[in-house]
Amino acid sequence: MVLVGVCGKRLLYLDVKGLIAQQGLYTALVVCLNVIAGGGGSNLYLPEEFDTFSPLDIQERIKGSKIVIVSEQVHSSWNHPSCSC
């Protein structure tokens, strides 16, 4: 049996709050990926596909690329250090 002191309880409380924040960030990541998949995509395409893009497709891909950058930054910068124990 492990006894947790007052300081230990505070650290455990902060750890639980961190995990809740991490779950929120992961949910935001999944939402961003669904927006990318449901929209026009991102800047990844085959070179021969470029001629088939309409101006609307290009605008959707620009928007998708921006969402990709945000989701990658949130996932790598904020999410990974919190679970590196």
PDB file of N, CA and C in Angstrom:
ATOM      1  N   MET A   1       0.853  -1.179   0.000  1.00  0.00           N
ATOM      2  CA  MET A   1       0.000   0.000   0.000  1.00  0.00           C
ATOM      3  C   MET A   1       0.895   1.236   0.000  1.00  0.00           C
ATOM      4  N   VAL A   2       0.548   2.182  -0.833  1.00  0.00           N
ATOM      5  CA  VAL A   2       1.338   3.408  -0.938  1.00  0.00           C
ATOM      6  C   VAL A   2       0.597   4.537  -0.241  1.00  0.00           C
ATOM      7  N   LEU A   3       1.297   5.224   0.643  1.00  0.00           N
ATOM      8  CA  LEU A   3       0.712   6.372   1.325  1.00  0.00           C
ATOM      9  C   LEU A   3       1.120   7.633   0.582  1.00  0.00           C
ATOM     10  N   VAL A   4       0.162   8.474   0.303  1.00  0.00           N
ATOM     11  CA  VAL A   4       0.417   9.719  -0.407  1.00  0.00           C
ATOM     12  C   VAL A   4       0.255  10.862   0.571  1.00  0.00           C
ATOM     13  N   GLY A   5       1.306  11.678   0.713  1.00  0.00           N
ATOM     14  CA  GLY A   5       1.254  12.821   1.610  1.00  0.00           C
ATOM     15  C   GLY A   5       0.527  13.992   0.983  1.00  0.00           C
ATOM     16  N   VAL A   6       0.521  15.123   1.669  1.00  0.00           N
ATOM     17  CA  VAL A   6      -0.144  16.327   1.172  1.00  0.00           C
ATOM     18  C   VAL A   6       0.484  16.783  -0.132  1.00  0.00           C
ATOM     19  N   CYS A   7       1.799  16.804  -0.212  1.00  0.00           N
ATOM     20  CA  CYS A   7       2.476  17.222  -1.428  1.00  0.00           C
ATOM     21  C   CYS A   7       2.177  16.245  -2.564  1.00  0.00           C
ATOM     22  N   GLY A   8       2.110  14.973  -2.251  1.00  0.00           N
ATOM     23  CA  GLY A   8       1.805  13.960  -3.254  1.00  0.00           C
ATOM     24  C   GLY A   8       0.408  14.114  -3.814  1.00  0.00           C
ATOM     25  N   LYS A   9      -0.538  14.484  -2.946  1.00  0.00           N
ATOM     26  CA  LYS A   9      -1.910  14.691  -3.405  1.00  0.00           C
ATOM     27  C   LYS A   9      -1.992  15.869  -4.374  1.00  0.00           C
ATOM     28  N   ARG A  10      -1.237  16.915  -4.086  1.00  0.00           N
ATOM     29  CA  ARG A  10      -1.233  18.080  -4.987  1.00  0.00           C
ATOM     30  C   ARG A  10      -0.635  17.710  -6.337  1.00  0.00           C
ATOM     31  N   LEU A  11       0.456  16.947  -6.308  1.00  0.00           N
ATOM     32  CA  LEU A  11       1.069  16.536  -7.572  1.00  0.00           C
ATOM     33  C   LEU A  11       0.149  15.612  -8.359  1.00  0.00           C
ATOM     34  N   LEU A  12      -0.546  14.731  -7.667  1.00  0.00           N
ATOM     35  CA  LEU A  12      -1.498  13.851  -8.326  1.00  0.00           C
ATOM     36  C   LEU A  12      -2.637  14.661  -8.934  1.00  0.00           C
ATOM     37  N   TYR A  13      -3.092  15.681  -8.207  1.00  0.00           N
ATOM     38  CA  TYR A  13      -4.154  16.559  -8.710  1.00  0.00           C
ATOM     39  C   TYR A  13      -3.700  17.267  -9.980  1.00  0.00           C
ATOM     40  N   LEU A  14      -2.462  17.768  -9.996  1.00  0.00           N
ATOM     41  CA  LEU A  14      -1.941  18.428 -11.192  1.00  0.00           C
ATOM     42  C   LEU A  14      -1.786  17.442 -12.341  1.00  0.00           C
ATOM     43  N   ASP A  15      -1.404  16.215 -12.031  1.00  0.00           N
ATOM     44  CA  ASP A  15      -1.258  15.195 -13.055  1.00  0.00           C
ATOM     45  C   ASP A  15      -2.603  14.884 -13.701  1.00  0.00           C
ATOM     46  N   VAL A  16      -3.646  14.775 -12.890  1.00  0.00           N
ATOM     47  CA  VAL A  16      -4.977  14.491 -13.416  1.00  0.00           C
ATOM     48  C   VAL A  16      -5.467  15.652 -14.276  1.00  0.00           C
ATOM     49  N   LYS A  17      -5.212  16.881 -13.821  1.00  0.00           N
ATOM     50  CA  LYS A  17      -5.598  18.042 -14.633  1.00  0.00           C
ATOM     51  C   LYS A  17      -4.854  18.043 -15.969  1.00  0.00           C
ATOM     52  N   GLY A  18      -3.592  17.654 -15.941  1.00  0.00           N
ATOM     53  CA  GLY A  18      -2.814  17.578 -17.173  1.00  0.00           C
ATOM     54  C   GLY A  18      -3.359  16.531 -18.129  1.00  0.00           C
ATOM     55  N   LEU A  19      -3.792  15.401 -17.585  1.00  0.00           N
ATOM     56  CA  LEU A  19      -4.364  14.358 -18.434  1.00  0.00           C
ATOM     57  C   LEU A  19      -5.690  14.795 -19.046  1.00  0.00           C
ATOM     58  N   ILE A  20      -6.472  15.532 -18.293  1.00  0.00           N
ATOM     59  CA  ILE A  20      -7.735  16.048 -18.837  1.00  0.00           C
ATOM     60  C   ILE A  20      -7.457  17.042 -19.965  1.00  0.00           C
ATOM     61  N   ALA A  21      -6.470  17.898 -19.777  1.00  0.00           N
ATOM     62  CA  ALA A  21      -6.096  18.838 -20.841  1.00  0.00           C
ATOM     63  C   ALA A  21      -5.574  18.081 -22.055  1.00  0.00           C
ATOM     64  N   GLN A  22      -4.830  17.017 -21.821  1.00  0.00           N
ATOM     65  CA  GLN A  22      -4.298  16.223 -22.927  1.00  0.00           C
ATOM     66  C   GLN A  22      -5.436  15.569 -23.713  1.00  0.00           C
ATOM     67  N   GLN A  23      -6.451  15.112 -23.032  1.00  0.00           N
ATOM     68  CA  GLN A  23      -7.596  14.530 -23.729  1.00  0.00           C
ATOM     69  C   GLN A  23      -8.304  15.579 -24.584  1.00  0.00           C
ATOM     70  N   GLY A  24      -8.384  16.795 -24.080  1.00  0.00           N
ATOM     71  CA  GLY A  24      -8.980  17.874 -24.868  1.00  0.00           C
ATOM     72  C   GLY A  24      -8.167  18.180 -26.108  1.00  0.00           C
ATOM     73  N   LEU A  25      -6.843  18.201 -25.976  1.00  0.00           N
ATOM     74  CA  LEU A  25      -5.986  18.442 -27.130  1.00  0.00           C
ATOM     75  C   LEU A  25      -6.084  17.310 -28.142  1.00  0.00           C
ATOM     76  N   TYR A  26      -6.170  16.079 -27.669  1.00  0.00           N
ATOM     77  CA  TYR A  26      -6.312  14.952 -28.584  1.00  0.00           C
ATOM     78  C   TYR A  26      -7.645  15.022 -29.322  1.00  0.00           C
ATOM     79  N   THR A  27      -8.701  15.421 -28.633  1.00  0.00           N
ATOM     80  CA  THR A  27     -10.002  15.585 -29.280  1.00  0.00           C
ATOM     81  C   THR A  27      -9.927  16.663 -30.352  1.00  0.00           C
ATOM     82  N   ALA A  28      -9.227  17.764 -30.059  1.00  0.00           N
ATOM     83  CA  ALA A  28      -9.051  18.820 -31.060  1.00  0.00           C
ATOM     84  C   ALA A  28      -8.275  18.303 -32.265  1.00  0.00           C
ATOM     85  N   LEU A  29      -7.285  17.454 -32.037  1.00  0.00           N
ATOM     86  CA  LEU A  29      -6.521  16.871 -33.135  1.00  0.00           C
ATOM     87  C   LEU A  29      -7.419  16.016 -34.023  1.00  0.00           C
ATOM     88  N   VAL A  30      -8.257  15.188 -33.421  1.00  0.00           N
ATOM     89  CA  VAL A  30      -9.149  14.328 -34.196  1.00  0.00           C
ATOM     90  C   VAL A  30     -10.153  15.166 -34.988  1.00  0.00           C
ATOM     91  N   VAL A  31     -10.653  16.232 -34.393  1.00  0.00           N
ATOM     92  CA  VAL A  31     -11.579  17.115 -35.101  1.00  0.00           C
ATOM     93  C   VAL A  31     -10.876  17.760 -36.298  1.00  0.00           C
ATOM     94  N   CYS A  32      -9.646  18.232 -36.095  1.00  0.00           N
ATOM     95  CA  CYS A  32      -8.888  18.837 -37.202  1.00  0.00           C
ATOM     96  C   CYS A  32      -8.665  17.838 -38.324  1.00  0.00           C
ATOM     97  N   LEU A  33      -8.324  16.615 -37.989  1.00  0.00           N
ATOM     98  CA  LEU A  33      -8.099  15.605 -39.020  1.00  0.00           C
ATOM     99  C   LEU A  33      -9.378  15.268 -39.772  1.00  0.00           C
ATOM    100  N   ASN A  34     -10.505  15.279 -39.070  1.00  0.00           N
ATOM    101  CA  ASN A  34     -11.783  15.054 -39.753  1.00  0.00           C
ATOM    102  C   ASN A  34     -12.131  16.202 -40.685  1.00  0.00           C
ATOM    103  N   VAL A  35     -11.822  17.426 -40.290  1.00  0.00           N
ATOM    104  CA  VAL A  35     -12.066  18.579 -41.162  1.00  0.00           C
ATOM    105  C   VAL A  35     -11.204  18.470 -42.418  1.00  0.00           C
ATOM    106  N   ILE A  36      -9.956  18.075 -42.250  1.00  0.00           N
ATOM    107  CA  ILE A  36      -9.055  17.929 -43.398  1.00  0.00           C
ATOM    108  C   ILE A  36      -9.559  16.838 -44.338  1.00  0.00           C
ATOM    109  N   ALA A  37      -9.940  15.691 -43.770  1.00  0.00           N
ATOM    110  CA  ALA A  37     -10.394  14.571 -44.586  1.00  0.00           C
ATOM    111  C   ALA A  37     -11.724  14.870 -45.272  1.00  0.00           C
ATOM    112  N   GLY A  38     -12.602  15.602 -44.607  1.00  0.00           N
ATOM    113  CA  GLY A  38     -13.897  15.914 -45.185  1.00  0.00           C
ATOM    114  C   GLY A  38     -13.858  17.061 -46.175  1.00  0.00           C
ATOM    115  N   GLY A  39     -12.856  17.909 -46.064  1.00  0.00           N
ATOM    116  CA  GLY A  39     -12.731  19.054 -46.964  1.00  0.00           C
ATOM    117  C   GLY A  39     -11.972  18.677 -48.228  1.00  0.00           C
ATOM    118  N   GLY A  40     -11.243  19.624 -48.750  1.00  0.00           N
ATOM    119  CA  GLY A  40     -10.521  19.399 -49.995  1.00  0.00           C
ATOM    120  C   GLY A  40      -9.196  18.711 -49.819  1.00  0.00           C
ATOM    121  N   GLY A  41      -8.783  18.437 -48.610  1.00  0.00           N
ATOM    122  CA  GLY A  41      -7.507  17.790 -48.372  1.00  0.00           C
ATOM    123  C   GLY A  41      -6.457  18.785 -47.931  1.00  0.00           C
ATOM    124  N   SER A  42      -5.202  18.440 -48.180  1.00  0.00           N
ATOM    125  CA  SER A  42      -4.096  19.316 -47.790  1.00  0.00           C
ATOM    126  C   SER A  42      -3.204  19.541 -48.997  1.00  0.00           C
ATOM    127  N   ASN A  43      -1.957  19.871 -48.756  1.00  0.00           N
ATOM    128  CA  ASN A  43      -1.062  20.150 -49.875  1.00  0.00           C
ATOM    129  C   ASN A  43      -0.408  18.891 -50.429  1.00  0.00           C
ATOM    130  N   LEU A  44      -0.829  17.725 -49.981  1.00  0.00           N
ATOM    131  CA  LEU A  44      -0.299  16.472 -50.512  1.00  0.00           C
ATOM    132  C   LEU A  44      -1.132  16.018 -51.704  1.00  0.00           C
ATOM    133  N   TYR A  45      -0.517  15.933 -52.863  1.00  0.00           N
ATOM    134  CA  TYR A  45      -1.174  15.462 -54.067  1.00  0.00           C
ATOM    135  C   TYR A  45      -0.100  15.014 -55.061  1.00  0.00           C
ATOM    136  N   LEU A  46      -0.504  14.217 -56.010  1.00  0.00           N
ATOM    137  CA  LEU A  46       0.411  13.789 -57.056  1.00  0.00           C
ATOM    138  C   LEU A  46       0.597  14.930 -58.055  1.00  0.00           C
ATOM    139  N   PRO A  47       1.759  15.065 -58.653  1.00  0.00           N
ATOM    140  CA  PRO A  47       1.998  16.179 -59.570  1.00  0.00           C
ATOM    141  C   PRO A  47       1.024  16.217 -60.753  1.00  0.00           C
ATOM    142  N   GLU A  48       0.601  15.064 -61.235  1.00  0.00           N
ATOM    143  CA  GLU A  48      -0.324  15.058 -62.384  1.00  0.00           C
ATOM    144  C   GLU A  48      -1.750  15.454 -61.995  1.00  0.00           C
ATOM    145  N   GLU A  49      -2.057  15.500 -60.714  1.00  0.00           N
ATOM    146  CA  GLU A  49      -3.389  15.918 -60.270  1.00  0.00           C
ATOM    147  C   GLU A  49      -3.574  17.428 -60.299  1.00  0.00           C
ATOM    148  N   PHE A  50      -2.484  18.187 -60.341  1.00  0.00           N
ATOM    149  CA  PHE A  50      -2.599  19.641 -60.233  1.00  0.00           C
ATOM    150  C   PHE A  50      -3.431  20.233 -61.370  1.00  0.00           C
ATOM    151  N   ASP A  51      -3.324  19.686 -62.570  1.00  0.00           N
ATOM    152  CA  ASP A  51      -4.076  20.224 -63.710  1.00  0.00           C
ATOM    153  C   ASP A  51      -5.577  20.036 -63.573  1.00  0.00           C
ATOM    154  N   THR A  52      -5.996  19.120 -62.723  1.00  0.00           N
ATOM    155  CA  THR A  52      -7.433  18.859 -62.571  1.00  0.00           C
ATOM    156  C   THR A  52      -8.081  19.701 -61.478  1.00  0.00           C
ATOM    157  N   PHE A  53      -7.299  20.494 -60.754  1.00  0.00           N
ATOM    158  CA  PHE A  53      -7.843  21.286 -59.650  1.00  0.00           C
ATOM    159  C   PHE A  53      -8.554  22.527 -60.169  1.00  0.00           C
ATOM    160  N   SER A  54      -9.724  22.783 -59.582  1.00  0.00           N
ATOM    161  CA  SER A  54     -10.437  24.028 -59.859  1.00  0.00           C
ATOM    162  C   SER A  54      -9.963  25.072 -58.844  1.00  0.00           C
ATOM    163  N   PRO A  55     -10.285  26.356 -59.074  1.00  0.00           N
ATOM    164  CA  PRO A  55      -9.917  27.370 -58.061  1.00  0.00           C
ATOM    165  C   PRO A  55     -10.512  27.077 -56.681  1.00  0.00           C
ATOM    166  N   LEU A  56     -11.710  26.496 -56.645  1.00  0.00           N
ATOM    167  CA  LEU A  56     -12.311  26.134 -55.358  1.00  0.00           C
ATOM    168  C   LEU A  56     -11.512  25.015 -54.680  1.00  0.00           C
ATOM    169  N   ASP A  57     -11.053  24.029 -55.465  1.00  0.00           N
ATOM    170  CA  ASP A  57     -10.221  22.963 -54.902  1.00  0.00           C
ATOM    171  C   ASP A  57      -8.934  23.520 -54.316  1.00  0.00           C
ATOM    172  N   ILE A  58      -8.335  24.476 -54.990  1.00  0.00           N
ATOM    173  CA  ILE A  58      -7.087  25.067 -54.510  1.00  0.00           C
ATOM    174  C   ILE A  58      -7.319  25.809 -53.198  1.00  0.00           C
ATOM    175  N   GLN A  59      -8.425  26.553 -53.108  1.00  0.00           N
ATOM    176  CA  GLN A  59      -8.731  27.270 -51.865  1.00  0.00           C
ATOM    177  C   GLN A  59      -8.992  26.295 -50.718  1.00  0.00           C
ATOM    178  N   GLU A  60      -9.693  25.189 -51.002  1.00  0.00           N
ATOM    179  CA  GLU A  60      -9.944  24.179 -49.968  1.00  0.00           C
ATOM    180  C   GLU A  60      -8.640  23.539 -49.503  1.00  0.00           C
ATOM    181  N   ARG A  61      -7.721  23.302 -50.419  1.00  0.00           N
ATOM    182  CA  ARG A  61      -6.443  22.698 -50.047  1.00  0.00           C
ATOM    183  C   ARG A  61      -5.577  23.672 -49.251  1.00  0.00           C
ATOM    184  N   ILE A  62      -5.661  24.953 -49.561  1.00  0.00           N
ATOM    185  CA  ILE A  62      -4.931  25.949 -48.769  1.00  0.00           C
ATOM    186  C   ILE A  62      -5.465  25.957 -47.336  1.00  0.00           C
ATOM    187  N   LYS A  63      -6.787  25.938 -47.203  1.00  0.00           N
ATOM    188  CA  LYS A  63      -7.402  25.894 -45.870  1.00  0.00           C
ATOM    189  C   LYS A  63      -7.006  24.608 -45.136  1.00  0.00           C
ATOM    190  N   GLY A  64      -7.043  23.475 -45.839  1.00  0.00           N
ATOM    191  CA  GLY A  64      -6.653  22.209 -45.228  1.00  0.00           C
ATOM    192  C   GLY A  64      -5.198  22.201 -44.790  1.00  0.00           C
ATOM    193  N   SER A  65      -4.318  22.840 -45.578  1.00  0.00           N
ATOM    194  CA  SER A  65      -2.900  22.900 -45.221  1.00  0.00           C
ATOM    195  C   SER A  65      -2.683  23.707 -43.948  1.00  0.00           C
ATOM    196  N   LYS A  66      -3.432  24.776 -43.789  1.00  0.00           N
ATOM    197  CA  LYS A  66      -3.316  25.583 -42.573  1.00  0.00           C
ATOM    198  C   LYS A  66      -3.801  24.805 -41.355  1.00  0.00           C
ATOM    199  N   ILE A  67      -4.861  24.039 -41.523  1.00  0.00           N
ATOM    200  CA  ILE A  67      -5.361  23.231 -40.417  1.00  0.00           C
ATOM    201  C   ILE A  67      -4.354  22.140 -40.065  1.00  0.00           C
ATOM    202  N   VAL A  68      -3.666  21.589 -41.072  1.00  0.00           N
ATOM    203  CA  VAL A  68      -2.635  20.573 -40.818  1.00  0.00           C
ATOM    204  C   VAL A  68      -1.516  21.163 -39.964  1.00  0.00           C
ATOM    205  N   ILE A  69      -1.081  22.361 -40.285  1.00  0.00           N
ATOM    206  CA  ILE A  69      -0.002  22.994 -39.513  1.00  0.00           C
ATOM    207  C   ILE A  69      -0.426  23.189 -38.064  1.00  0.00           C
ATOM    208  N   VAL A  70      -1.626  23.674 -37.859  1.00  0.00           N
ATOM    209  CA  VAL A  70      -2.120  23.896 -36.491  1.00  0.00           C
ATOM    210  C   VAL A  70      -2.218  22.576 -35.739  1.00  0.00           C
ATOM    211  N   SER A  71      -2.780  21.555 -36.378  1.00  0.00           N
ATOM    212  CA  SER A  71      -2.950  20.275 -35.678  1.00  0.00           C
ATOM    213  C   SER A  71      -1.617  19.623 -35.363  1.00  0.00           C
ATOM    214  N   GLU A  72      -0.637  19.737 -36.258  1.00  0.00           N
ATOM    215  CA  GLU A  72       0.685  19.166 -35.979  1.00  0.00           C
ATOM    216  C   GLU A  72       1.376  19.903 -34.834  1.00  0.00           C
ATOM    217  N   GLN A  73       1.238  21.207 -34.790  1.00  0.00           N
ATOM    218  CA  GLN A  73       1.861  21.972 -33.719  1.00  0.00           C
ATOM    219  C   GLN A  73       1.229  21.652 -32.373  1.00  0.00           C
ATOM    220  N   VAL A  74      -0.081  21.562 -32.343  1.00  0.00           N
ATOM    221  CA  VAL A  74      -0.766  21.233 -31.086  1.00  0.00           C
ATOM    222  C   VAL A  74      -0.354  19.848 -30.627  1.00  0.00           C
ATOM    223  N   HIS A  75      -0.319  18.911 -31.543  1.00  0.00           N
ATOM    224  CA  HIS A  75      -0.019  17.534 -31.155  1.00  0.00           C
ATOM    225  C   HIS A  75       1.428  17.363 -30.718  1.00  0.00           C
ATOM    226  N   SER A  76       2.354  17.934 -31.450  1.00  0.00           N
ATOM    227  CA  SER A  76       3.762  17.700 -31.118  1.00  0.00           C
ATOM    228  C   SER A  76       4.267  18.608 -30.002  1.00  0.00           C
ATOM    229  N   SER A  77       3.839  19.852 -29.962  1.00  0.00           N
ATOM    230  CA  SER A  77       4.379  20.794 -28.988  1.00  0.00           C
ATOM    231  C   SER A  77       3.734  20.659 -27.611  1.00  0.00           C
ATOM    232  N   TRP A  78       2.448  20.445 -27.555  1.00  0.00           N
ATOM    233  CA  TRP A  78       1.745  20.484 -26.286  1.00  0.00           C
ATOM    234  C   TRP A  78       1.416  19.107 -25.766  1.00  0.00           C
ATOM    235  N   ASN A  79       1.185  18.166 -26.635  1.00  0.00           N
ATOM    236  CA  ASN A  79       0.693  16.873 -26.207  1.00  0.00           C
ATOM    237  C   ASN A  79       1.827  15.936 -25.826  1.00  0.00           C
ATOM    238  N   HIS A  80       2.886  15.859 -26.584  1.00  0.00           N
ATOM    239  CA  HIS A  80       3.946  14.892 -26.314  1.00  0.00           C
ATOM    240  C   HIS A  80       4.721  15.164 -25.019  1.00  0.00           C
ATOM    241  N   PRO A  81       5.119  16.411 -24.724  1.00  0.00           N
ATOM    242  CA  PRO A  81       5.862  16.598 -23.462  1.00  0.00           C
ATOM    243  C   PRO A  81       5.068  16.238 -22.224  1.00  0.00           C
ATOM    244  N   SER A  82       3.763  16.326 -22.289  1.00  0.00           N
ATOM    245  CA  SER A  82       2.967  16.028 -21.106  1.00  0.00           C
ATOM    246  C   SER A  82       2.902  14.542 -20.809  1.00  0.00           C
ATOM    247  N   CYS A  83       3.230  13.697 -21.768  1.00  0.00           N
ATOM    248  CA  CYS A  83       3.148  12.254 -21.516  1.00  0.00           C
ATOM    249  C   CYS A  83       4.509  11.592 -21.658  1.00  0.00           C
ATOM    250  N   SER A  84       5.572  12.314 -21.365  1.00  0.00           N
ATOM    251  CA  SER A  84       6.918  11.767 -21.549  1.00  0.00           C
ATOM    252  C   SER A  84       7.499  11.193 -20.268  1.00  0.00           C
ATOM    253  N   CYS A  85       6.655  10.814 -19.347  1.00  0.00           N
ATOM    254  CA  CYS A  85       7.192  10.263 -18.096  1.00  0.00           C
ATOM    255  C   CYS A  85       7.416   8.775 -18.186  1.00  0.00           C
TER     256      CYS A  85
END
